Amino acid sequence: MQTAVRPLALPFFLGGLLLAPVAVCKGVLLVRRELGFLAGVYAASTALLSPALFRIKRSSGTVVMIWNAFAVFQLLREVMFAGRLWGGRFIRKMIGRTTVPGAV
């Protein structure tokens, strides 16, 4: 049994690791009433995930491949959610910097 489950450890770990940040970001976006953005992210991610899962099925892919797809799905959603919340501030901060720290 351990041998059968061992390949699933990484995708399960990554999916679990990303679960809380995705939920928190989604909650903040809901409170901010950014429903159009959330709907767009869900539509886009579902539109990308479904064909990927069908491709895995057609190619007789493994369960590990399916769980890897779900882990990537979570990662992409986290990047989009976090980017919406903090990306603009980060970019403005980087662009506003006129000197490179430590440069002479």
PDB file of N, CA and C in Angstrom:
ATOM      1  N   MET A   1       0.810  -1.190   0.000  1.00  0.00           N
ATOM      2  CA  MET A   1       0.000   0.000   0.000  1.00  0.00           C
ATOM      3  C   MET A   1       0.858   1.260   0.000  1.00  0.00           C
ATOM      4  N   GLN A   2       1.917   1.286   0.813  1.00  0.00           N
ATOM      5  CA  GLN A   2       2.774   2.468   0.860  1.00  0.00           C
ATOM      6  C   GLN A   2       3.419   2.738  -0.487  1.00  0.00           C
ATOM      7  N   THR A   3       3.782   1.701  -1.193  1.00  0.00           N
ATOM      8  CA  THR A   3       4.402   1.870  -2.501  1.00  0.00           C
ATOM      9  C   THR A   3       3.416   2.488  -3.489  1.00  0.00           C
ATOM     10  N   ALA A   4       2.154   2.122  -3.398  1.00  0.00           N
ATOM     11  CA  ALA A   4       1.136   2.654  -4.303  1.00  0.00           C
ATOM     12  C   ALA A   4       0.828   4.118  -4.009  1.00  0.00           C
ATOM     13  N   VAL A   5       0.900   4.511  -2.759  1.00  0.00           N
ATOM     14  CA  VAL A   5       0.531   5.865  -2.356  1.00  0.00           C
ATOM     15  C   VAL A   5       1.712   6.836  -2.414  1.00  0.00           C
ATOM     16  N   ARG A   6       2.920   6.336  -2.326  1.00  0.00           N
ATOM     17  CA  ARG A   6       4.109   7.191  -2.273  1.00  0.00           C
ATOM     18  C   ARG A   6       4.176   8.209  -3.418  1.00  0.00           C
ATOM     19  N   PRO A   7       3.881   7.851  -4.688  1.00  0.00           N
ATOM     20  CA  PRO A   7       3.957   8.861  -5.757  1.00  0.00           C
ATOM     21  C   PRO A   7       2.954  10.002  -5.607  1.00  0.00           C
ATOM     22  N   LEU A   8       1.917   9.786  -4.792  1.00  0.00           N
ATOM     23  CA  LEU A   8       0.920  10.831  -4.596  1.00  0.00           C
ATOM     24  C   LEU A   8       1.305  11.828  -3.506  1.00  0.00           C
ATOM     25  N   ALA A   9       2.379  11.569  -2.805  1.00  0.00           N
ATOM     26  CA  ALA A   9       2.765  12.419  -1.675  1.00  0.00           C
ATOM     27  C   ALA A   9       3.007  13.865  -2.104  1.00  0.00           C
ATOM     28  N   LEU A  10       3.765  14.086  -3.161  1.00  0.00           N
ATOM     29  CA  LEU A  10       4.075  15.455  -3.579  1.00  0.00           C
ATOM     30  C   LEU A  10       2.835  16.214  -4.032  1.00  0.00           C
ATOM     31  N   PRO A  11       2.003  15.662  -4.934  1.00  0.00           N
ATOM     32  CA  PRO A  11       0.813  16.427  -5.317  1.00  0.00           C
ATOM     33  C   PRO A  11      -0.134  16.683  -4.145  1.00  0.00           C
ATOM     34  N   PHE A  12      -0.287  15.708  -3.245  1.00  0.00           N
ATOM     35  CA  PHE A  12      -1.129  15.926  -2.070  1.00  0.00           C
ATOM     36  C   PHE A  12      -0.544  17.019  -1.187  1.00  0.00           C
ATOM     37  N   PHE A  13       0.760  16.999  -0.998  1.00  0.00           N
ATOM     38  CA  PHE A  13       1.424  18.007  -0.179  1.00  0.00           C
ATOM     39  C   PHE A  13       1.236  19.396  -0.782  1.00  0.00           C
ATOM     40  N   LEU A  14       1.484  19.521  -2.086  1.00  0.00           N
ATOM     41  CA  LEU A  14       1.348  20.825  -2.737  1.00  0.00           C
ATOM     42  C   LEU A  14      -0.091  21.318  -2.701  1.00  0.00           C
ATOM     43  N   GLY A  15      -1.030  20.420  -2.968  1.00  0.00           N
ATOM     44  CA  GLY A  15      -2.437  20.800  -2.910  1.00  0.00           C
ATOM     45  C   GLY A  15      -2.841  21.247  -1.521  1.00  0.00           C
ATOM     46  N   GLY A  16      -2.403  20.518  -0.512  1.00  0.00           N
ATOM     47  CA  GLY A  16      -2.702  20.884   0.866  1.00  0.00           C
ATOM     48  C   GLY A  16      -2.018  22.166   1.290  1.00  0.00           C
ATOM     49  N   LEU A  17      -0.798  22.361   0.830  1.00  0.00           N
ATOM     50  CA  LEU A  17      -0.045  23.564   1.152  1.00  0.00           C
ATOM     51  C   LEU A  17      -0.723  24.812   0.590  1.00  0.00           C
ATOM     52  N   LEU A  18      -1.317  24.670  -0.577  1.00  0.00           N
ATOM     53  CA  LEU A  18      -1.939  25.813  -1.239  1.00  0.00           C
ATOM     54  C   LEU A  18      -3.395  26.035  -0.828  1.00  0.00           C
ATOM     55  N   LEU A  19      -3.984  25.083  -0.137  1.00  0.00           N
ATOM     56  CA  LEU A  19      -5.395  25.180   0.204  1.00  0.00           C
ATOM     57  C   LEU A  19      -5.701  26.415   1.051  1.00  0.00           C
ATOM     58  N   ALA A  20      -4.965  26.637   2.115  1.00  0.00           N
ATOM     59  CA  ALA A  20      -5.234  27.775   3.001  1.00  0.00           C
ATOM     60  C   ALA A  20      -4.996  29.122   2.310  1.00  0.00           C
ATOM     61  N   PRO A  21      -3.868  29.322   1.618  1.00  0.00           N
ATOM     62  CA  PRO A  21      -3.689  30.617   0.953  1.00  0.00           C
ATOM     63  C   PRO A  21      -4.761  30.905  -0.093  1.00  0.00           C
ATOM     64  N   VAL A  22      -5.185  29.886  -0.827  1.00  0.00           N
ATOM     65  CA  VAL A  22      -6.243  30.091  -1.824  1.00  0.00           C
ATOM     66  C   VAL A  22      -7.537  30.490  -1.125  1.00  0.00           C
ATOM     67  N   ALA A  23      -7.868  29.803  -0.036  1.00  0.00           N
ATOM     68  CA  ALA A  23      -9.103  30.107   0.682  1.00  0.00           C
ATOM     69  C   ALA A  23      -9.067  31.519   1.280  1.00  0.00           C
ATOM     70  N   VAL A  24      -7.938  31.912   1.844  1.00  0.00           N
ATOM     71  CA  VAL A  24      -7.822  33.243   2.433  1.00  0.00           C
ATOM     72  C   VAL A  24      -7.940  34.318   1.356  1.00  0.00           C
ATOM     73  N   CYS A  25      -7.209  34.148   0.271  1.00  0.00           N
ATOM     74  CA  CYS A  25      -7.271  35.140  -0.817  1.00  0.00           C
ATOM     75  C   CYS A  25      -8.679  35.222  -1.394  1.00  0.00           C
ATOM     76  N   LYS A  26      -9.301  34.069  -1.578  1.00  0.00           N
ATOM     77  CA  LYS A  26     -10.665  34.049  -2.104  1.00  0.00           C
ATOM     78  C   LYS A  26     -11.606  34.764  -1.139  1.00  0.00           C
ATOM     79  N   GLY A  27     -11.435  34.530   0.152  1.00  0.00           N
ATOM     80  CA  GLY A  27     -12.264  35.211   1.141  1.00  0.00           C
ATOM     81  C   GLY A  27     -12.099  36.714   1.103  1.00  0.00           C
ATOM     82  N   VAL A  28     -10.864  37.177   0.984  1.00  0.00           N
ATOM     83  CA  VAL A  28     -10.606  38.620   0.912  1.00  0.00           C
ATOM     84  C   VAL A  28     -11.248  39.198  -0.345  1.00  0.00           C
ATOM     85  N   LEU A  29     -11.117  38.502  -1.457  1.00  0.00           N
ATOM     86  CA  LEU A  29     -11.724  38.987  -2.703  1.00  0.00           C
ATOM     87  C   LEU A  29     -13.246  39.000  -2.609  1.00  0.00           C
ATOM     88  N   LEU A  30     -13.827  38.025  -1.915  1.00  0.00           N
ATOM     89  CA  LEU A  30     -15.278  38.022  -1.706  1.00  0.00           C
ATOM     90  C   LEU A  30     -15.710  39.208  -0.852  1.00  0.00           C
ATOM     91  N   VAL A  31     -14.971  39.471   0.220  1.00  0.00           N
ATOM     92  CA  VAL A  31     -15.295  40.604   1.093  1.00  0.00           C
ATOM     93  C   VAL A  31     -15.176  41.912   0.324  1.00  0.00           C
ATOM     94  N   ARG A  32     -14.203  41.993  -0.550  1.00  0.00           N
ATOM     95  CA  ARG A  32     -14.011  43.205  -1.358  1.00  0.00           C
ATOM     96  C   ARG A  32     -15.001  43.271  -2.512  1.00  0.00           C
ATOM     97  N   ARG A  33     -15.842  42.255  -2.640  1.00  0.00           N
ATOM     98  CA  ARG A  33     -16.889  42.171  -3.674  1.00  0.00           C
ATOM     99  C   ARG A  33     -16.308  42.199  -5.093  1.00  0.00           C
ATOM    100  N   GLU A  34     -15.170  41.557  -5.266  1.00  0.00           N
ATOM    101  CA  GLU A  34     -14.566  41.461  -6.596  1.00  0.00           C
ATOM    102  C   GLU A  34     -15.087  40.192  -7.281  1.00  0.00           C
ATOM    103  N   LEU A  35     -16.397  40.155  -7.413  1.00  0.00           N
ATOM    104  CA  LEU A  35     -17.069  38.957  -7.903  1.00  0.00           C
ATOM    105  C   LEU A  35     -16.798  38.714  -9.387  1.00  0.00           C
ATOM    106  N   GLY A  36     -16.682  39.776 -10.159  1.00  0.00           N
ATOM    107  CA  GLY A  36     -16.377  39.616 -11.586  1.00  0.00           C
ATOM    108  C   GLY A  36     -15.017  38.977 -11.796  1.00  0.00           C
ATOM    109  N   PHE A  37     -14.048  39.419 -11.001  1.00  0.00           N
ATOM    110  CA  PHE A  37     -12.712  38.834 -11.106  1.00  0.00           C
ATOM    111  C   PHE A  37     -12.732  37.368 -10.707  1.00  0.00           C
ATOM    112  N   LEU A  38     -13.393  37.050  -9.582  1.00  0.00           N
ATOM    113  CA  LEU A  38     -13.473  35.655  -9.135  1.00  0.00           C
ATOM    114  C   LEU A  38     -14.163  34.785 -10.183  1.00  0.00           C
ATOM    115  N   ALA A  39     -15.242  35.285 -10.750  1.00  0.00           N
ATOM    116  CA  ALA A  39     -15.951  34.519 -11.779  1.00  0.00           C
ATOM    117  C   ALA A  39     -15.051  34.275 -12.984  1.00  0.00           C
ATOM    118  N   GLY A  40     -14.290  35.286 -13.366  1.00  0.00           N
ATOM    119  CA  GLY A  40     -13.370  35.133 -14.489  1.00  0.00           C
ATOM    120  C   GLY A  40     -12.282  34.112 -14.218  1.00  0.00           C
ATOM    121  N   VAL A  41     -11.735  34.138 -12.999  1.00  0.00           N
ATOM    122  CA  VAL A  41     -10.699  33.171 -12.633  1.00  0.00           C
ATOM    123  C   VAL A  41     -11.269  31.760 -12.643  1.00  0.00           C
ATOM    124  N   TYR A  42     -12.459  31.596 -12.072  1.00  0.00           N
ATOM    125  CA  TYR A  42     -13.060  30.263 -12.045  1.00  0.00           C
ATOM    126  C   TYR A  42     -13.396  29.776 -13.450  1.00  0.00           C
ATOM    127  N   ALA A  43     -13.909  30.654 -14.290  1.00  0.00           N
ATOM    128  CA  ALA A  43     -14.228  30.258 -15.667  1.00  0.00           C
ATOM    129  C   ALA A  43     -12.958  29.875 -16.423  1.00  0.00           C
ATOM    130  N   ALA A  44     -11.921  30.684 -16.289  1.00  0.00           N
ATOM    131  CA  ALA A  44     -10.670  30.407 -16.996  1.00  0.00           C
ATOM    132  C   ALA A  44     -10.000  29.135 -16.485  1.00  0.00           C
ATOM    133  N   SER A  45      -9.952  28.973 -15.157  1.00  0.00           N
ATOM    134  CA  SER A  45      -9.276  27.794 -14.628  1.00  0.00           C
ATOM    135  C   SER A  45     -10.044  26.514 -14.946  1.00  0.00           C
ATOM    136  N   THR A  46     -11.379  26.585 -14.934  1.00  0.00           N
ATOM    137  CA  THR A  46     -12.175  25.414 -15.312  1.00  0.00           C
ATOM    138  C   THR A  46     -12.011  25.115 -16.796  1.00  0.00           C
ATOM    139  N   ALA A  47     -11.950  26.169 -17.600  1.00  0.00           N
ATOM    140  CA  ALA A  47     -11.765  25.972 -19.037  1.00  0.00           C
ATOM    141  C   ALA A  47     -10.401  25.342 -19.339  1.00  0.00           C
ATOM    142  N   LEU A  48      -9.409  25.604 -18.518  1.00  0.00           N
ATOM    143  CA  LEU A  48      -8.086  25.013 -18.721  1.00  0.00           C
ATOM    144  C   LEU A  48      -7.966  23.622 -18.105  1.00  0.00           C
ATOM    145  N   LEU A  49      -8.581  23.426 -16.942  1.00  0.00           N
ATOM    146  CA  LEU A  49      -8.446  22.148 -16.240  1.00  0.00           C
ATOM    147  C   LEU A  49      -9.194  21.017 -16.929  1.00  0.00           C
ATOM    148  N   SER A  50     -10.396  21.287 -17.385  1.00  0.00           N
ATOM    149  CA  SER A  50     -11.199  20.217 -18.001  1.00  0.00           C
ATOM    150  C   SER A  50     -10.512  19.567 -19.200  1.00  0.00           C
ATOM    151  N   PRO A  51     -10.035  20.335 -20.172  1.00  0.00           N
ATOM    152  CA  PRO A  51      -9.327  19.695 -21.290  1.00  0.00           C
ATOM    153  C   PRO A  51      -8.066  18.952 -20.849  1.00  0.00           C
ATOM    154  N   ALA A  52      -7.384  19.484 -19.835  1.00  0.00           N
ATOM    155  CA  ALA A  52      -6.173  18.803 -19.346  1.00  0.00           C
ATOM    156  C   ALA A  52      -6.532  17.443 -18.759  1.00  0.00           C
ATOM    157  N   LEU A  53      -7.617  17.385 -17.992  1.00  0.00           N
ATOM    158  CA  LEU A  53      -8.035  16.107 -17.423  1.00  0.00           C
ATOM    159  C   LEU A  53      -8.492  15.134 -18.503  1.00  0.00           C
ATOM    160  N   PHE A  54      -9.192  15.632 -19.510  1.00  0.00           N
ATOM    161  CA  PHE A  54      -9.611  14.758 -20.612  1.00  0.00           C
ATOM    162  C   PHE A  54      -8.406  14.241 -21.396  1.00  0.00           C
ATOM    163  N   ARG A  55      -7.398  15.081 -21.547  1.00  0.00           N
ATOM    164  CA  ARG A  55      -6.184  14.649 -22.246  1.00  0.00           C
ATOM    165  C   ARG A  55      -5.478  13.546 -21.459  1.00  0.00           C
ATOM    166  N   ILE A  56      -5.419  13.702 -20.143  1.00  0.00           N
ATOM    167  CA  ILE A  56      -4.821  12.660 -19.295  1.00  0.00           C
ATOM    168  C   ILE A  56      -5.607  11.370 -19.431  1.00  0.00           C
ATOM    169  N   LYS A  57      -6.926  11.470 -19.457  1.00  0.00           N
ATOM    170  CA  LYS A  57      -7.774  10.286 -19.586  1.00  0.00           C
ATOM    171  C   LYS A  57      -7.545   9.598 -20.930  1.00  0.00           C
ATOM    172  N   ARG A  58      -7.523  10.383 -22.015  1.00  0.00           N
ATOM    173  CA  ARG A  58      -7.325   9.799 -23.350  1.00  0.00           C
ATOM    174  C   ARG A  58      -5.973   9.120 -23.493  1.00  0.00           C
ATOM    175  N   SER A  59      -4.977   9.654 -22.810  1.00  0.00           N
ATOM    176  CA  SER A  59      -3.635   9.071 -22.933  1.00  0.00           C
ATOM    177  C   SER A  59      -3.394   7.976 -21.893  1.00  0.00           C
ATOM    178  N   SER A  60      -4.462   7.541 -21.243  1.00  0.00           N
ATOM    179  CA  SER A  60      -4.365   6.518 -20.196  1.00  0.00           C
ATOM    180  C   SER A  60      -3.374   6.938 -19.110  1.00  0.00           C
ATOM    181  N   GLY A  61      -3.487   8.198 -18.713  1.00  0.00           N
ATOM    182  CA  GLY A  61      -2.597   8.733 -17.689  1.00  0.00           C
ATOM    183  C   GLY A  61      -2.844   8.105 -16.331  1.00  0.00           C
ATOM    184  N   THR A  62      -1.932   8.356 -15.453  1.00  0.00           N
ATOM    185  CA  THR A  62      -1.985   7.773 -14.113  1.00  0.00           C
ATOM    186  C   THR A  62      -2.734   8.690 -13.154  1.00  0.00           C
ATOM    187  N   VAL A  63      -3.056   8.161 -12.005  1.00  0.00           N
ATOM    188  CA  VAL A  63      -3.695   8.945 -10.952  1.00  0.00           C
ATOM    189  C   VAL A  63      -2.764  10.071 -10.508  1.00  0.00           C
ATOM    190  N   VAL A  64      -1.474   9.811 -10.513  1.00  0.00           N
ATOM    191  CA  VAL A  64      -0.497  10.837 -10.134  1.00  0.00           C
ATOM    192  C   VAL A  64      -0.590  12.026 -11.092  1.00  0.00           C
ATOM    193  N   MET A  65      -0.766  11.754 -12.376  1.00  0.00           N
ATOM    194  CA  MET A  65      -0.889  12.841 -13.345  1.00  0.00           C
ATOM    195  C   MET A  65      -2.132  13.686 -13.072  1.00  0.00           C
ATOM    196  N   ILE A  66      -3.213  13.044 -12.689  1.00  0.00           N
ATOM    197  CA  ILE A  66      -4.438  13.777 -12.370  1.00  0.00           C
ATOM    198  C   ILE A  66      -4.223  14.679 -11.162  1.00  0.00           C
ATOM    199  N   TRP A  67      -3.603  14.132 -10.110  1.00  0.00           N
ATOM    200  CA  TRP A  67      -3.375  14.943  -8.919  1.00  0.00           C
ATOM    201  C   TRP A  67      -2.346  16.041  -9.162  1.00  0.00           C
ATOM    202  N   ASN A  68      -1.392  15.805 -10.048  1.00  0.00           N
ATOM    203  CA  ASN A  68      -0.470  16.874 -10.440  1.00  0.00           C
ATOM    204  C   ASN A  68      -1.237  18.000 -11.129  1.00  0.00           C
ATOM    205  N   ALA A  69      -2.190  17.637 -11.973  1.00  0.00           N
ATOM    206  CA  ALA A  69      -3.017  18.650 -12.647  1.00  0.00           C
ATOM    207  C   ALA A  69      -3.793  19.469 -11.623  1.00  0.00           C
ATOM    208  N   PHE A  70      -4.342  18.805 -10.603  1.00  0.00           N
ATOM    209  CA  PHE A  70      -5.063  19.539  -9.564  1.00  0.00           C
ATOM    210  C   PHE A  70      -4.128  20.453  -8.776  1.00  0.00           C
ATOM    211  N   ALA A  71      -2.906  20.020  -8.508  1.00  0.00           N
ATOM    212  CA  ALA A  71      -1.944  20.862  -7.782  1.00  0.00           C
ATOM    213  C   ALA A  71      -1.587  22.093  -8.612  1.00  0.00           C
ATOM    214  N   VAL A  72      -1.391  21.918  -9.912  1.00  0.00           N
ATOM    215  CA  VAL A  72      -1.103  23.057 -10.794  1.00  0.00           C
ATOM    216  C   VAL A  72      -2.306  23.995 -10.840  1.00  0.00           C
ATOM    217  N   PHE A  73      -3.502  23.422 -10.874  1.00  0.00           N
ATOM    218  CA  PHE A  73      -4.745  24.196 -10.848  1.00  0.00           C
ATOM    219  C   PHE A  73      -4.780  25.095  -9.615  1.00  0.00           C
ATOM    220  N   GLN A  74      -4.470  24.541  -8.443  1.00  0.00           N
ATOM    221  CA  GLN A  74      -4.448  25.328  -7.211  1.00  0.00           C
ATOM    222  C   GLN A  74      -3.374  26.410  -7.264  1.00  0.00           C
ATOM    223  N   LEU A  75      -2.204  26.062  -7.780  1.00  0.00           N
ATOM    224  CA  LEU A  75      -1.110  27.026  -7.867  1.00  0.00           C
ATOM    225  C   LEU A  75      -1.495  28.204  -8.761  1.00  0.00           C
ATOM    226  N   LEU A  76      -2.096  27.924  -9.909  1.00  0.00           N
ATOM    227  CA  LEU A  76      -2.489  28.999 -10.823  1.00  0.00           C
ATOM    228  C   LEU A  76      -3.550  29.904 -10.196  1.00  0.00           C
ATOM    229  N   ARG A  77      -4.504  29.299  -9.495  1.00  0.00           N
ATOM    230  CA  ARG A  77      -5.517  30.118  -8.826  1.00  0.00           C
ATOM    231  C   ARG A  77      -4.882  30.985  -7.744  1.00  0.00           C
ATOM    232  N   GLU A  78      -3.938  30.434  -6.988  1.00  0.00           N
ATOM    233  CA  GLU A  78      -3.273  31.215  -5.943  1.00  0.00           C
ATOM    234  C   GLU A  78      -2.490  32.376  -6.540  1.00  0.00           C
ATOM    235  N   VAL A  79      -1.802  32.135  -7.641  1.00  0.00           N
ATOM    236  CA  VAL A  79      -1.047  33.203  -8.301  1.00  0.00           C
ATOM    237  C   VAL A  79      -1.993  34.308  -8.763  1.00  0.00           C
ATOM    238  N   MET A  80      -3.125  33.930  -9.343  1.00  0.00           N
ATOM    239  CA  MET A  80      -4.076  34.935  -9.817  1.00  0.00           C
ATOM    240  C   MET A  80      -4.706  35.703  -8.658  1.00  0.00           C
ATOM    241  N   PHE A  81      -5.112  34.994  -7.605  1.00  0.00           N
ATOM    242  CA  PHE A  81      -5.729  35.660  -6.465  1.00  0.00           C
ATOM    243  C   PHE A  81      -4.734  36.580  -5.758  1.00  0.00           C
ATOM    244  N   ALA A  82      -3.557  36.069  -5.453  1.00  0.00           N
ATOM    245  CA  ALA A  82      -2.548  36.871  -4.756  1.00  0.00           C
ATOM    246  C   ALA A  82      -2.086  38.030  -5.633  1.00  0.00           C
ATOM    247  N   GLY A  83      -1.963  37.786  -6.916  1.00  0.00           N
ATOM    248  CA  GLY A  83      -1.593  38.866  -7.830  1.00  0.00           C
ATOM    249  C   GLY A  83      -2.606  39.989  -7.825  1.00  0.00           C
ATOM    250  N   ARG A  84      -3.871  39.623  -7.744  1.00  0.00           N
ATOM    251  CA  ARG A  84      -4.925  40.641  -7.692  1.00  0.00           C
ATOM    252  C   ARG A  84      -4.846  41.438  -6.388  1.00  0.00           C
ATOM    253  N   LEU A  85      -4.553  40.752  -5.300  1.00  0.00           N
ATOM    254  CA  LEU A  85      -4.532  41.423  -4.003  1.00  0.00           C
ATOM    255  C   LEU A  85      -3.272  42.245  -3.771  1.00  0.00           C
ATOM    256  N   TRP A  86      -2.125  41.698  -4.116  1.00  0.00           N
ATOM    257  CA  TRP A  86      -0.859  42.347  -3.760  1.00  0.00           C
ATOM    258  C   TRP A  86       0.031  42.680  -4.949  1.00  0.00           C
ATOM    259  N   GLY A  87      -0.286  42.228  -6.126  1.00  0.00           N
ATOM    260  CA  GLY A  87       0.580  42.426  -7.282  1.00  0.00           C
ATOM    261  C   GLY A  87       0.769  43.873  -7.667  1.00  0.00           C
ATOM    262  N   GLY A  88      -0.313  44.646  -7.674  1.00  0.00           N
ATOM    263  CA  GLY A  88      -0.211  46.054  -8.049  1.00  0.00           C
ATOM    264  C   GLY A  88       0.682  46.841  -7.119  1.00  0.00           C
ATOM    265  N   ARG A  89       0.532  46.603  -5.833  1.00  0.00           N
ATOM    266  CA  ARG A  89       1.349  47.300  -4.829  1.00  0.00           C
ATOM    267  C   ARG A  89       2.823  46.928  -5.004  1.00  0.00           C
ATOM    268  N   PHE A  90       3.098  45.652  -5.241  1.00  0.00           N
ATOM    269  CA  PHE A  90       4.473  45.187  -5.419  1.00  0.00           C
ATOM    270  C   PHE A  90       5.101  45.822  -6.660  1.00  0.00           C
ATOM    271  N   ILE A  91       4.357  45.845  -7.758  1.00  0.00           N
ATOM    272  CA  ILE A  91       4.884  46.424  -9.009  1.00  0.00           C
ATOM    273  C   ILE A  91       5.125  47.915  -8.836  1.00  0.00           C
ATOM    274  N   ARG A  92       4.175  48.617  -8.210  1.00  0.00           N
ATOM    275  CA  ARG A  92       4.368  50.060  -7.989  1.00  0.00           C
ATOM    276  C   ARG A  92       5.598  50.320  -7.118  1.00  0.00           C
ATOM    277  N   LYS A  93       5.800  49.490  -6.133  1.00  0.00           N
ATOM    278  CA  LYS A  93       6.954  49.647  -5.252  1.00  0.00           C
ATOM    279  C   LYS A  93       8.251  49.427  -6.027  1.00  0.00           C
ATOM    280  N   MET A  94       8.283  48.412  -6.894  1.00  0.00           N
ATOM    281  CA  MET A  94       9.493  48.121  -7.661  1.00  0.00           C
ATOM    282  C   MET A  94       9.758  49.201  -8.710  1.00  0.00           C
ATOM    283  N   ILE A  95       8.723  49.698  -9.353  1.00  0.00           N
ATOM    284  CA  ILE A  95       8.896  50.730 -10.380  1.00  0.00           C
ATOM    285  C   ILE A  95       9.303  52.050  -9.745  1.00  0.00           C
ATOM    286  N   GLY A  96       8.776  52.331  -8.560  1.00  0.00           N
ATOM    287  CA  GLY A  96       9.079  53.582  -7.873  1.00  0.00           C
ATOM    288  C   GLY A  96      10.493  53.673  -7.363  1.00  0.00           C
ATOM    289  N   ARG A  97      11.178  52.541  -7.303  1.00  0.00           N
ATOM    290  CA  ARG A  97      12.551  52.502  -6.790  1.00  0.00           C
ATOM    291  C   ARG A  97      13.484  53.027  -7.883  1.00  0.00           C
ATOM    292  N   THR A  98      14.218  54.087  -7.578  1.00  0.00           N
ATOM    293  CA  THR A  98      15.080  54.698  -8.591  1.00  0.00           C
ATOM    294  C   THR A  98      16.515  54.220  -8.498  1.00  0.00           C
ATOM    295  N   THR A  99      16.907  53.697  -7.356  1.00  0.00           N
ATOM    296  CA  THR A  99      18.277  53.203  -7.227  1.00  0.00           C
ATOM    297  C   THR A  99      18.252  51.737  -6.815  1.00  0.00           C
ATOM    298  N   VAL A 100      19.289  51.071  -7.148  1.00  0.00           N
ATOM    299  CA  VAL A 100      19.433  49.672  -6.768  1.00  0.00           C
ATOM    300  C   VAL A 100      20.088  49.625  -5.391  1.00  0.00           C
ATOM    301  N   PRO A 101      19.480  48.931  -4.433  1.00  0.00           N
ATOM    302  CA  PRO A 101      20.081  48.883  -3.108  1.00  0.00           C
ATOM    303  C   PRO A 101      21.500  48.300  -3.166  1.00  0.00           C
ATOM    304  N   GLY A 102      22.414  48.942  -2.484  1.00  0.00           N
ATOM    305  CA  GLY A 102      23.793  48.461  -2.421  1.00  0.00           C
ATOM    306  C   GLY A 102      24.665  48.929  -3.588  1.00  0.00           C
ATOM    307  N   ALA A 103      24.066  49.597  -4.569  1.00  0.00           N
ATOM    308  CA  ALA A 103      24.859  50.074  -5.717  1.00  0.00           C
ATOM    309  C   ALA A 103      25.626  51.322  -5.309  1.00  0.00           C
ATOM    310  N   VAL A 104      26.781  51.497  -5.926  1.00  0.00           N
ATOM    311  CA  VAL A 104      27.624  52.667  -5.614  1.00  0.00           C
ATOM    312  C   VAL A 104      27.491  53.684  -6.706  1.00  0.00           C
TER     313      VAL A 104
END
